Amino acid sequence: MSYKAKIDSMRGELRVMNKAIPETMQGFAQLSRAAKENGPLGVKEKEYVAIGIAISQRCEPCISFHVEALMKAGGTREELSDVMAMSIQMGGGPAVMYAAHALACWDELANLG
């Protein structure tokens, strides 16, 4: 399955979950907005942090969503690579595998545009 298809599929699952537990998901959305819209870091820098955490936590859907968001925020492949290097340094072998997912997702989504 392509990363674009995985992103679309996950969005569909999240829409179902939004209907099942709307209050919880509204609270999560509010938390997300508050974290992204406040503080001294810009959206791009916050997406770097999110990708680093997604790699270290081995959350492939998170990686895909945050790679997509980083692209929209003006990040570059080279910047993503630097974040991947730090994630690998902190996370060891498992981070290597998930960093590869982040790079493959970037490359696929960059070729769709």
PDB file of N, CA and C in Angstrom:
ATOM      1  N   MET A   1       0.852  -1.171   0.000  1.00  0.00           N
ATOM      2  CA  MET A   1       0.000   0.000   0.000  1.00  0.00           C
ATOM      3  C   MET A   1       0.904   1.242   0.000  1.00  0.00           C
ATOM      4  N   SER A   2       0.563   2.217  -0.798  1.00  0.00           N
ATOM      5  CA  SER A   2       1.354   3.444  -0.871  1.00  0.00           C
ATOM      6  C   SER A   2       1.154   4.279   0.394  1.00  0.00           C
ATOM      7  N   TYR A   3       2.085   5.198   0.653  1.00  0.00           N
ATOM      8  CA  TYR A   3       1.929   6.069   1.819  1.00  0.00           C
ATOM      9  C   TYR A   3       0.701   6.949   1.677  1.00  0.00           C
ATOM     10  N   LYS A   4       0.425   7.426   0.477  1.00  0.00           N
ATOM     11  CA  LYS A   4      -0.772   8.242   0.251  1.00  0.00           C
ATOM     12  C   LYS A   4      -2.024   7.438   0.592  1.00  0.00           C
ATOM     13  N   ALA A   5      -2.067   6.181   0.155  1.00  0.00           N
ATOM     14  CA  ALA A   5      -3.214   5.315   0.469  1.00  0.00           C
ATOM     15  C   ALA A   5      -3.303   5.054   1.971  1.00  0.00           C
ATOM     16  N   LYS A   6      -2.145   4.881   2.634  1.00  0.00           N
ATOM     17  CA  LYS A   6      -2.146   4.670   4.085  1.00  0.00           C
ATOM     18  C   LYS A   6      -2.684   5.903   4.809  1.00  0.00           C
ATOM     19  N   ILE A   7      -2.274   7.091   4.358  1.00  0.00           N
ATOM     20  CA  ILE A   7      -2.757   8.337   4.955  1.00  0.00           C
ATOM     21  C   ILE A   7      -4.275   8.436   4.782  1.00  0.00           C
ATOM     22  N   ASP A   8      -4.743   8.184   3.568  1.00  0.00           N
ATOM     23  CA  ASP A   8      -6.186   8.258   3.295  1.00  0.00           C
ATOM     24  C   ASP A   8      -6.960   7.240   4.126  1.00  0.00           C
ATOM     25  N   SER A   9      -6.437   6.033   4.228  1.00  0.00           N
ATOM     26  CA  SER A   9      -7.092   4.983   5.003  1.00  0.00           C
ATOM     27  C   SER A   9      -7.152   5.365   6.490  1.00  0.00           C
ATOM     28  N   MET A  10      -6.054   5.885   7.017  1.00  0.00           N
ATOM     29  CA  MET A  10      -6.033   6.281   8.422  1.00  0.00           C
ATOM     30  C   MET A  10      -7.000   7.420   8.675  1.00  0.00           C
ATOM     31  N   ARG A  11      -7.084   8.369   7.744  1.00  0.00           N
ATOM     32  CA  ARG A  11      -8.052   9.463   7.899  1.00  0.00           C
ATOM     33  C   ARG A  11      -9.479   8.917   7.961  1.00  0.00           C
ATOM     34  N   GLY A  12      -9.764   7.905   7.159  1.00  0.00           N
ATOM     35  CA  GLY A  12     -11.084   7.270   7.202  1.00  0.00           C
ATOM     36  C   GLY A  12     -11.351   6.627   8.550  1.00  0.00           C
ATOM     37  N   GLU A  13     -10.349   5.943   9.099  1.00  0.00           N
ATOM     38  CA  GLU A  13     -10.503   5.323  10.413  1.00  0.00           C
ATOM     39  C   GLU A  13     -10.704   6.389  11.488  1.00  0.00           C
ATOM     40  N   LEU A  14      -9.999   7.502  11.365  1.00  0.00           N
ATOM     41  CA  LEU A  14     -10.150   8.578  12.347  1.00  0.00           C
ATOM     42  C   LEU A  14     -11.527   9.225  12.273  1.00  0.00           C
ATOM     43  N   ARG A  15     -12.091   9.343  11.070  1.00  0.00           N
ATOM     44  CA  ARG A  15     -13.453   9.883  10.946  1.00  0.00           C
ATOM     45  C   ARG A  15     -14.446   8.989  11.677  1.00  0.00           C
ATOM     46  N   VAL A  16     -14.285   7.676  11.568  1.00  0.00           N
ATOM     47  CA  VAL A  16     -15.159   6.740  12.280  1.00  0.00           C
ATOM     48  C   VAL A  16     -14.982   6.915  13.784  1.00  0.00           C
ATOM     49  N   MET A  17     -13.738   7.043  14.225  1.00  0.00           N
ATOM     50  CA  MET A  17     -13.486   7.207  15.649  1.00  0.00           C
ATOM     51  C   MET A  17     -14.032   8.543  16.157  1.00  0.00           C
ATOM     52  N   ASN A  18     -13.957   9.586  15.332  1.00  0.00           N
ATOM     53  CA  ASN A  18     -14.522  10.887  15.709  1.00  0.00           C
ATOM     54  C   ASN A  18     -16.005  10.771  16.024  1.00  0.00           C
ATOM     55  N   LYS A  19     -16.702   9.911  15.272  1.00  0.00           N
ATOM     56  CA  LYS A  19     -18.135   9.714  15.513  1.00  0.00           C
ATOM     57  C   LYS A  19     -18.382   8.870  16.759  1.00  0.00           C
ATOM     58  N   ALA A  20     -17.471   7.932  17.033  1.00  0.00           N
ATOM     59  CA  ALA A  20     -17.653   7.030  18.171  1.00  0.00           C
ATOM     60  C   ALA A  20     -17.360   7.718  19.504  1.00  0.00           C
ATOM     61  N   ILE A  21     -16.342   8.572  19.516  1.00  0.00           N
ATOM     62  CA  ILE A  21     -15.960   9.247  20.766  1.00  0.00           C
ATOM     63  C   ILE A  21     -15.694  10.736  20.477  1.00  0.00           C
ATOM     64  N   PRO A  22     -16.749  11.461  20.111  1.00  0.00           N
ATOM     65  CA  PRO A  22     -16.565  12.847  19.662  1.00  0.00           C
ATOM     66  C   PRO A  22     -15.941  13.769  20.711  1.00  0.00           C
ATOM     67  N   GLU A  23     -16.316  13.626  21.956  1.00  0.00           N
ATOM     68  CA  GLU A  23     -15.774  14.527  22.978  1.00  0.00           C
ATOM     69  C   GLU A  23     -14.272  14.328  23.140  1.00  0.00           C
ATOM     70  N   THR A  24     -13.862  13.083  23.168  1.00  0.00           N
ATOM     71  CA  THR A  24     -12.436  12.771  23.305  1.00  0.00           C
ATOM     72  C   THR A  24     -11.656  13.316  22.116  1.00  0.00           C
ATOM     73  N   MET A  25     -12.165  13.094  20.924  1.00  0.00           N
ATOM     74  CA  MET A  25     -11.448  13.529  19.726  1.00  0.00           C
ATOM     75  C   MET A  25     -11.449  15.053  19.603  1.00  0.00           C
ATOM     76  N   GLN A  26     -12.533  15.707  20.043  1.00  0.00           N
ATOM     77  CA  GLN A  26     -12.542  17.180  20.052  1.00  0.00           C
ATOM     78  C   GLN A  26     -11.505  17.703  21.035  1.00  0.00           C
ATOM     79  N   GLY A  27     -11.387  17.048  22.175  1.00  0.00           N
ATOM     80  CA  GLY A  27     -10.365  17.424  23.147  1.00  0.00           C
ATOM     81  C   GLY A  27      -8.968  17.239  22.596  1.00  0.00           C
ATOM     82  N   PHE A  28      -8.744  16.142  21.886  1.00  0.00           N
ATOM     83  CA  PHE A  28      -7.429  15.897  21.282  1.00  0.00           C
ATOM     84  C   PHE A  28      -7.139  16.947  20.215  1.00  0.00           C
ATOM     85  N   ALA A  29      -8.141  17.288  19.409  1.00  0.00           N
ATOM     86  CA  ALA A  29      -7.959  18.316  18.376  1.00  0.00           C
ATOM     87  C   ALA A  29      -7.626  19.660  19.013  1.00  0.00           C
ATOM     88  N   GLN A  30      -8.286  19.980  20.110  1.00  0.00           N
ATOM     89  CA  GLN A  30      -8.004  21.236  20.811  1.00  0.00           C
ATOM     90  C   GLN A  30      -6.576  21.232  21.362  1.00  0.00           C
ATOM     91  N   LEU A  31      -6.149  20.116  21.932  1.00  0.00           N
ATOM     92  CA  LEU A  31      -4.782  19.980  22.431  1.00  0.00           C
ATOM     93  C   LEU A  31      -3.782  20.167  21.291  1.00  0.00           C
ATOM     94  N   SER A  32      -4.051  19.549  20.159  1.00  0.00           N
ATOM     95  CA  SER A  32      -3.161  19.657  19.001  1.00  0.00           C
ATOM     96  C   SER A  32      -3.038  21.095  18.519  1.00  0.00           C
ATOM     97  N   ARG A  33      -4.184  21.784  18.419  1.00  0.00           N
ATOM     98  CA  ARG A  33      -4.162  23.194  17.993  1.00  0.00           C
ATOM     99  C   ARG A  33      -3.364  24.046  18.969  1.00  0.00           C
ATOM    100  N   ALA A  34      -3.600  23.841  20.250  1.00  0.00           N
ATOM    101  CA  ALA A  34      -2.905  24.630  21.266  1.00  0.00           C
ATOM    102  C   ALA A  34      -1.397  24.408  21.196  1.00  0.00           C
ATOM    103  N   ALA A  35      -0.986  23.176  20.995  1.00  0.00           N
ATOM    104  CA  ALA A  35       0.446  22.877  20.918  1.00  0.00           C
ATOM    105  C   ALA A  35       1.082  23.484  19.671  1.00  0.00           C
ATOM    106  N   LYS A  36       0.362  23.458  18.554  1.00  0.00           N
ATOM    107  CA  LYS A  36       0.916  23.961  17.292  1.00  0.00           C
ATOM    108  C   LYS A  36       0.869  25.475  17.175  1.00  0.00           C
ATOM    109  N   GLU A  37      -0.130  26.103  17.761  1.00  0.00           N
ATOM    110  CA  GLU A  37      -0.350  27.532  17.531  1.00  0.00           C
ATOM    111  C   GLU A  37       0.317  28.420  18.567  1.00  0.00           C
ATOM    112  N   ASN A  38       0.883  27.866  19.616  1.00  0.00           N
ATOM    113  CA  ASN A  38       1.451  28.672  20.686  1.00  0.00           C
ATOM    114  C   ASN A  38       2.931  28.360  20.857  1.00  0.00           C
ATOM    115  N   GLY A  39       3.647  29.290  21.471  1.00  0.00           N
ATOM    116  CA  GLY A  39       5.049  29.074  21.799  1.00  0.00           C
ATOM    117  C   GLY A  39       5.992  29.682  20.785  1.00  0.00           C
ATOM    118  N   PRO A  40       7.278  29.672  21.117  1.00  0.00           N
ATOM    119  CA  PRO A  40       8.270  30.334  20.276  1.00  0.00           C
ATOM    120  C   PRO A  40       8.648  29.564  19.001  1.00  0.00           C
ATOM    121  N   LEU A  41       8.372  28.270  18.959  1.00  0.00           N
ATOM    122  CA  LEU A  41       8.719  27.495  17.761  1.00  0.00           C
ATOM    123  C   LEU A  41       7.637  27.637  16.706  1.00  0.00           C
ATOM    124  N   GLY A  42       8.059  27.628  15.452  1.00  0.00           N
ATOM    125  CA  GLY A  42       7.114  27.652  14.351  1.00  0.00           C
ATOM    126  C   GLY A  42       6.569  26.268  14.062  1.00  0.00           C
ATOM    127  N   VAL A  43       5.600  26.214  13.176  1.00  0.00           N
ATOM    128  CA  VAL A  43       4.968  24.935  12.825  1.00  0.00           C
ATOM    129  C   VAL A  43       5.998  23.959  12.271  1.00  0.00           C
ATOM    130  N   LYS A  44       6.877  24.427  11.414  1.00  0.00           N
ATOM    131  CA  LYS A  44       7.873  23.537  10.816  1.00  0.00           C
ATOM    132  C   LYS A  44       8.747  22.897  11.893  1.00  0.00           C
ATOM    133  N   GLU A  45       9.224  23.689  12.829  1.00  0.00           N
ATOM    134  CA  GLU A  45      10.073  23.148  13.886  1.00  0.00           C
ATOM    135  C   GLU A  45       9.302  22.156  14.755  1.00  0.00           C
ATOM    136  N   LYS A  46       8.040  22.451  15.002  1.00  0.00           N
ATOM    137  CA  LYS A  46       7.226  21.536  15.801  1.00  0.00           C
ATOM    138  C   LYS A  46       6.986  20.224  15.054  1.00  0.00           C
ATOM    139  N   GLU A  47       6.891  20.288  13.735  1.00  0.00           N
ATOM    140  CA  GLU A  47       6.741  19.059  12.957  1.00  0.00           C
ATOM    141  C   GLU A  47       8.021  18.227  12.992  1.00  0.00           C
ATOM    142  N   TYR A  48       9.182  18.887  13.061  1.00  0.00           N
ATOM    143  CA  TYR A  48      10.434  18.125  13.237  1.00  0.00           C
ATOM    144  C   TYR A  48      10.392  17.336  14.535  1.00  0.00           C
ATOM    145  N   VAL A  49       9.947  17.982  15.609  1.00  0.00           N
ATOM    146  CA  VAL A  49       9.845  17.315  16.902  1.00  0.00           C
ATOM    147  C   VAL A  49       8.870  16.140  16.796  1.00  0.00           C
ATOM    148  N   ALA A  50       7.719  16.381  16.164  1.00  0.00           N
ATOM    149  CA  ALA A  50       6.705  15.327  16.032  1.00  0.00           C
ATOM    150  C   ALA A  50       7.242  14.135  15.252  1.00  0.00           C
ATOM    151  N   ILE A  51       7.982  14.390  14.176  1.00  0.00           N
ATOM    152  CA  ILE A  51       8.536  13.285  13.386  1.00  0.00           C
ATOM    153  C   ILE A  51       9.571  12.518  14.202  1.00  0.00           C
ATOM    154  N   GLY A  52      10.419  13.238  14.922  1.00  0.00           N
ATOM    155  CA  GLY A  52      11.406  12.565  15.767  1.00  0.00           C
ATOM    156  C   GLY A  52      10.744  11.654  16.784  1.00  0.00           C
ATOM    157  N   ILE A  53       9.681  12.141  17.399  1.00  0.00           N
ATOM    158  CA  ILE A  53       8.955  11.329  18.377  1.00  0.00           C
ATOM    159  C   ILE A  53       8.250  10.164  17.684  1.00  0.00           C
ATOM    160  N   ALA A  54       7.638  10.422  16.533  1.00  0.00           N
ATOM    161  CA  ALA A  54       6.935   9.353  15.805  1.00  0.00           C
ATOM    162  C   ALA A  54       7.897   8.230  15.427  1.00  0.00           C
ATOM    163  N   ILE A  55       9.113   8.600  14.997  1.00  0.00           N
ATOM    164  CA  ILE A  55      10.115   7.579  14.665  1.00  0.00           C
ATOM    165  C   ILE A  55      10.498   6.799  15.914  1.00  0.00           C
ATOM    166  N   SER A  56      10.780   7.505  17.004  1.00  0.00           N
ATOM    167  CA  SER A  56      11.224   6.813  18.211  1.00  0.00           C
ATOM    168  C   SER A  56      10.111   5.969  18.838  1.00  0.00           C
ATOM    169  N   GLN A  57       8.853   6.383  18.642  1.00  0.00           N
ATOM    170  CA  GLN A  57       7.713   5.623  19.165  1.00  0.00           C
ATOM    171  C   GLN A  57       7.226   4.550  18.196  1.00  0.00           C
ATOM    172  N   ARG A  58       7.812   4.511  17.002  1.00  0.00           N
ATOM    173  CA  ARG A  58       7.491   3.510  15.978  1.00  0.00           C
ATOM    174  C   ARG A  58       6.033   3.573  15.554  1.00  0.00           C
ATOM    175  N   CYS A  59       5.572   4.801  15.312  1.00  0.00           N
ATOM    176  CA  CYS A  59       4.181   5.017  14.897  1.00  0.00           C
ATOM    177  C   CYS A  59       4.159   5.390  13.417  1.00  0.00           C
ATOM    178  N   GLU A  60       4.004   4.386  12.563  1.00  0.00           N
ATOM    179  CA  GLU A  60       4.049   4.651  11.124  1.00  0.00           C
ATOM    180  C   GLU A  60       2.958   5.617  10.658  1.00  0.00           C
ATOM    181  N   PRO A  61       1.702   5.504  11.120  1.00  0.00           N
ATOM    182  CA  PRO A  61       0.718   6.506  10.693  1.00  0.00           C
ATOM    183  C   PRO A  61       1.104   7.923  11.140  1.00  0.00           C
ATOM    184  N   CYS A  62       1.683   8.040  12.331  1.00  0.00           N
ATOM    185  CA  CYS A  62       2.131   9.356  12.807  1.00  0.00           C
ATOM    186  C   CYS A  62       3.226   9.902  11.901  1.00  0.00           C
ATOM    187  N   ILE A  63       4.153   9.029  11.515  1.00  0.00           N
ATOM    188  CA  ILE A  63       5.233   9.444  10.617  1.00  0.00           C
ATOM    189  C   ILE A  63       4.638   9.998   9.333  1.00  0.00           C
ATOM    190  N   SER A  64       3.718   9.267   8.744  1.00  0.00           N
ATOM    191  CA  SER A  64       3.132   9.702   7.469  1.00  0.00           C
ATOM    192  C   SER A  64       2.416  11.043   7.601  1.00  0.00           C
ATOM    193  N   PHE A  65       1.604  11.179   8.644  1.00  0.00           N
ATOM    194  CA  PHE A  65       0.866  12.442   8.844  1.00  0.00           C
ATOM    195  C   PHE A  65       1.818  13.610   9.054  1.00  0.00           C
ATOM    196  N   HIS A  66       2.876  13.397   9.836  1.00  0.00           N
ATOM    197  CA  HIS A  66       3.773  14.506  10.146  1.00  0.00           C
ATOM    198  C   HIS A  66       4.753  14.794   9.011  1.00  0.00           C
ATOM    199  N   VAL A  67       5.098  13.806   8.208  1.00  0.00           N
ATOM    200  CA  VAL A  67       5.878  14.090   6.996  1.00  0.00           C
ATOM    201  C   VAL A  67       5.044  14.963   6.063  1.00  0.00           C
ATOM    202  N   GLU A  68       3.785  14.599   5.878  1.00  0.00           N
ATOM    203  CA  GLU A  68       2.890  15.397   5.036  1.00  0.00           C
ATOM    204  C   GLU A  68       2.773  16.827   5.579  1.00  0.00           C
ATOM    205  N   ALA A  69       2.602  16.968   6.893  1.00  0.00           N
ATOM    206  CA  ALA A  69       2.487  18.291   7.506  1.00  0.00           C
ATOM    207  C   ALA A  69       3.790  19.076   7.377  1.00  0.00           C
ATOM    208  N   LEU A  70       4.923  18.396   7.516  1.00  0.00           N
ATOM    209  CA  LEU A  70       6.219  19.062   7.360  1.00  0.00           C
ATOM    210  C   LEU A  70       6.386  19.589   5.940  1.00  0.00           C
ATOM    211  N   MET A  71       5.978  18.821   4.973  1.00  0.00           N
ATOM    212  CA  MET A  71       6.059  19.276   3.574  1.00  0.00           C
ATOM    213  C   MET A  71       5.213  20.536   3.382  1.00  0.00           C
ATOM    214  N   LYS A  72       4.013  20.529   3.930  1.00  0.00           N
ATOM    215  CA  LYS A  72       3.124  21.696   3.815  1.00  0.00           C
ATOM    216  C   LYS A  72       3.698  22.907   4.551  1.00  0.00           C
ATOM    217  N   ALA A  73       4.482  22.663   5.607  1.00  0.00           N
ATOM    218  CA  ALA A  73       5.070  23.751   6.390  1.00  0.00           C
ATOM    219  C   ALA A  73       6.367  24.282   5.778  1.00  0.00           C
ATOM    220  N   GLY A  74       6.786  23.701   4.655  1.00  0.00           N
ATOM    221  CA  GLY A  74       7.976  24.193   3.966  1.00  0.00           C
ATOM    222  C   GLY A  74       9.267  23.489   4.313  1.00  0.00           C
ATOM    223  N   GLY A  75       9.180  22.349   4.978  1.00  0.00           N
ATOM    224  CA  GLY A  75      10.385  21.587   5.289  1.00  0.00           C
ATOM    225  C   GLY A  75      11.019  21.022   4.028  1.00  0.00           C
ATOM    226  N   THR A  76      12.266  20.620   4.159  1.00  0.00           N
ATOM    227  CA  THR A  76      12.982  20.019   3.028  1.00  0.00           C
ATOM    228  C   THR A  76      13.369  18.582   3.348  1.00  0.00           C
ATOM    229  N   ARG A  77      13.691  17.845   2.313  1.00  0.00           N
ATOM    230  CA  ARG A  77      14.136  16.469   2.488  1.00  0.00           C
ATOM    231  C   ARG A  77      15.427  16.430   3.313  1.00  0.00           C
ATOM    232  N   GLU A  78      16.305  17.407   3.076  1.00  0.00           N
ATOM    233  CA  GLU A  78      17.564  17.461   3.809  1.00  0.00           C
ATOM    234  C   GLU A  78      17.319  17.713   5.304  1.00  0.00           C
ATOM    235  N   GLU A  79      16.369  18.583   5.615  1.00  0.00           N
ATOM    236  CA  GLU A  79      16.032  18.841   7.018  1.00  0.00           C
ATOM    237  C   GLU A  79      15.427  17.594   7.659  1.00  0.00           C
ATOM    238  N   LEU A  80      14.540  16.920   6.930  1.00  0.00           N
ATOM    239  CA  LEU A  80      13.980  15.668   7.429  1.00  0.00           C
ATOM    240  C   LEU A  80      15.104  14.680   7.716  1.00  0.00           C
ATOM    241  N   SER A  81      16.081  14.607   6.819  1.00  0.00           N
ATOM    242  CA  SER A  81      17.202  13.679   7.000  1.00  0.00           C
ATOM    243  C   SER A  81      17.979  13.988   8.270  1.00  0.00           C
ATOM    244  N   ASP A  82      18.155  15.268   8.591  1.00  0.00           N
ATOM    245  CA  ASP A  82      18.856  15.653   9.808  1.00  0.00           C
ATOM    246  C   ASP A  82      18.074  15.221  11.044  1.00  0.00           C
ATOM    247  N   VAL A  83      16.751  15.388  11.004  1.00  0.00           N
ATOM    248  CA  VAL A  83      15.901  14.932  12.108  1.00  0.00           C
ATOM    249  C   VAL A  83      15.987  13.413  12.227  1.00  0.00           C
ATOM    250  N   MET A  84      16.002  12.719  11.093  1.00  0.00           N
ATOM    251  CA  MET A  84      16.118  11.261  11.121  1.00  0.00           C
ATOM    252  C   MET A  84      17.429  10.832  11.777  1.00  0.00           C
ATOM    253  N   ALA A  85      18.513  11.546  11.481  1.00  0.00           N
ATOM    254  CA  ALA A  85      19.816  11.208  12.066  1.00  0.00           C
ATOM    255  C   ALA A  85      19.761  11.312  13.590  1.00  0.00           C
ATOM    256  N   MET A  86      19.143  12.369  14.102  1.00  0.00           N
ATOM    257  CA  MET A  86      19.023  12.517  15.555  1.00  0.00           C
ATOM    258  C   MET A  86      18.114  11.443  16.143  1.00  0.00           C
ATOM    259  N   SER A  87      17.051  11.104  15.426  1.00  0.00           N
ATOM    260  CA  SER A  87      16.142  10.050  15.905  1.00  0.00           C
ATOM    261  C   SER A  87      16.866   8.715  15.975  1.00  0.00           C
ATOM    262  N   ILE A  88      17.687   8.444  14.983  1.00  0.00           N
ATOM    263  CA  ILE A  88      18.456   7.198  14.964  1.00  0.00           C
ATOM    264  C   ILE A  88      19.467   7.192  16.108  1.00  0.00           C
ATOM    265  N   GLN A  89      20.129   8.327  16.312  1.00  0.00           N
ATOM    266  CA  GLN A  89      21.112   8.417  17.385  1.00  0.00           C
ATOM    267  C   GLN A  89      20.457   8.144  18.736  1.00  0.00           C
ATOM    268  N   MET A  90      19.252   8.636  18.922  1.00  0.00           N
ATOM    269  CA  MET A  90      18.552   8.460  20.197  1.00  0.00           C
ATOM    270  C   MET A  90      17.843   7.104  20.292  1.00  0.00           C
ATOM    271  N   GLY A  91      17.441   6.534  19.153  1.00  0.00           N
ATOM    272  CA  GLY A  91      16.598   5.342  19.177  1.00  0.00           C
ATOM    273  C   GLY A  91      17.237   4.049  18.724  1.00  0.00           C
ATOM    274  N   GLY A  92      18.461   4.089  18.217  1.00  0.00           N
ATOM    275  CA  GLY A  92      19.147   2.869  17.813  1.00  0.00           C
ATOM    276  C   GLY A  92      18.512   2.180  16.610  1.00  0.00           C
ATOM    277  N   GLY A  93      18.669   0.862  16.553  1.00  0.00           N
ATOM    278  CA  GLY A  93      18.236   0.066  15.404  1.00  0.00           C
ATOM    279  C   GLY A  93      16.781   0.227  15.020  1.00  0.00           C
ATOM    280  N   PRO A  94      15.827   0.162  15.965  1.00  0.00           N
ATOM    281  CA  PRO A  94      14.437   0.349  15.572  1.00  0.00           C
ATOM    282  C   PRO A  94      14.185   1.703  14.920  1.00  0.00           C
ATOM    283  N   ALA A  95      14.877   2.742  15.394  1.00  0.00           N
ATOM    284  CA  ALA A  95      14.703   4.062  14.787  1.00  0.00           C
ATOM    285  C   ALA A  95      15.199   4.071  13.347  1.00  0.00           C
ATOM    286  N   VAL A  96      16.225   3.270  13.038  1.00  0.00           N
ATOM    287  CA  VAL A  96      16.714   3.173  11.659  1.00  0.00           C
ATOM    288  C   VAL A  96      15.584   2.710  10.743  1.00  0.00           C
ATOM    289  N   MET A  97      14.860   1.689  11.174  1.00  0.00           N
ATOM    290  CA  MET A  97      13.802   1.123  10.346  1.00  0.00           C
ATOM    291  C   MET A  97      12.669   2.133  10.128  1.00  0.00           C
ATOM    292  N   TYR A  98      12.282   2.853  11.171  1.00  0.00           N
ATOM    293  CA  TYR A  98      11.187   3.803  11.053  1.00  0.00           C
ATOM    294  C   TYR A  98      11.617   5.094  10.379  1.00  0.00           C
ATOM    295  N   ALA A  99      12.887   5.455  10.494  1.00  0.00           N
ATOM    296  CA  ALA A  99      13.400   6.601   9.742  1.00  0.00           C
ATOM    297  C   ALA A  99      13.321   6.302   8.247  1.00  0.00           C
ATOM    298  N   ALA A 100      13.576   5.061   7.877  1.00  0.00           N
ATOM    299  CA  ALA A 100      13.454   4.671   6.466  1.00  0.00           C
ATOM    300  C   ALA A 100      12.024   4.863   5.981  1.00  0.00           C
ATOM    301  N   HIS A 101      11.029   4.578   6.847  1.00  0.00           N
ATOM    302  CA  HIS A 101       9.630   4.843   6.487  1.00  0.00           C
ATOM    303  C   HIS A 101       9.407   6.335   6.241  1.00  0.00           C
ATOM    304  N   ALA A 102       9.971   7.176   7.095  1.00  0.00           N
ATOM    305  CA  ALA A 102       9.791   8.623   6.944  1.00  0.00           C
ATOM    306  C   ALA A 102      10.355   9.099   5.615  1.00  0.00           C
ATOM    307  N   LEU A 103      11.538   8.619   5.257  1.00  0.00           N
ATOM    308  CA  LEU A 103      12.154   9.038   3.999  1.00  0.00           C
ATOM    309  C   LEU A 103      11.381   8.512   2.799  1.00  0.00           C
ATOM    310  N   ALA A 104      10.942   7.264   2.858  1.00  0.00           N
ATOM    311  CA  ALA A 104      10.162   6.701   1.751  1.00  0.00           C
ATOM    312  C   ALA A 104       8.843   7.451   1.587  1.00  0.00           C
ATOM    313  N   CYS A 105       8.211   7.814   2.691  1.00  0.00           N
ATOM    314  CA  CYS A 105       6.964   8.582   2.632  1.00  0.00           C
ATOM    315  C   CYS A 105       7.219   9.921   1.978  1.00  0.00           C
ATOM    316  N   TRP A 106       8.278  10.619   2.390  1.00  0.00           N
ATOM    317  CA  TRP A 106       8.629  11.916   1.791  1.00  0.00           C
ATOM    318  C   TRP A 106       8.789  11.763   0.281  1.00  0.00           C
ATOM    319  N   ASP A 107       9.600  10.791  -0.127  1.00  0.00           N
ATOM    320  CA  ASP A 107       9.873  10.612  -1.553  1.00  0.00           C
ATOM    321  C   ASP A 107       8.613  10.317  -2.340  1.00  0.00           C
ATOM    322  N   GLU A 108       7.730   9.486  -1.801  1.00  0.00           N
ATOM    323  CA  GLU A 108       6.494   9.187  -2.494  1.00  0.00           C
ATOM    324  C   GLU A 108       5.613  10.424  -2.605  1.00  0.00           C
ATOM    325  N   LEU A 109       5.420  11.126  -1.494  1.00  0.00           N
ATOM    326  CA  LEU A 109       4.535  12.296  -1.512  1.00  0.00           C
ATOM    327  C   LEU A 109       5.121  13.422  -2.369  1.00  0.00           C
ATOM    328  N   ALA A 110       6.436  13.558  -2.401  1.00  0.00           N
ATOM    329  CA  ALA A 110       7.065  14.594  -3.240  1.00  0.00           C
ATOM    330  C   ALA A 110       6.829  14.314  -4.712  1.00  0.00           C
ATOM    331  N   ASN A 111       6.736  13.058  -5.074  1.00  0.00           N
ATOM    332  CA  ASN A 111       6.510  12.706  -6.478  1.00  0.00           C
ATOM    333  C   ASN A 111       5.049  12.794  -6.896  1.00  0.00           C
ATOM    334  N   LEU A 112       4.139  12.939  -5.925  1.00  0.00           N
ATOM    335  CA  LEU A 112       2.711  13.078  -6.248  1.00  0.00           C
ATOM    336  C   LEU A 112       2.367  14.500  -6.644  1.00  0.00           C
ATOM    337  N   GLY A 113       3.118  15.476  -6.095  1.00  0.00           N
ATOM    338  CA  GLY A 113       2.806  16.885  -6.302  1.00  0.00           C
ATOM    339  C   GLY A 113       3.128  17.348  -7.651  1.00  0.00           C
TER     340      GLY A 113
END
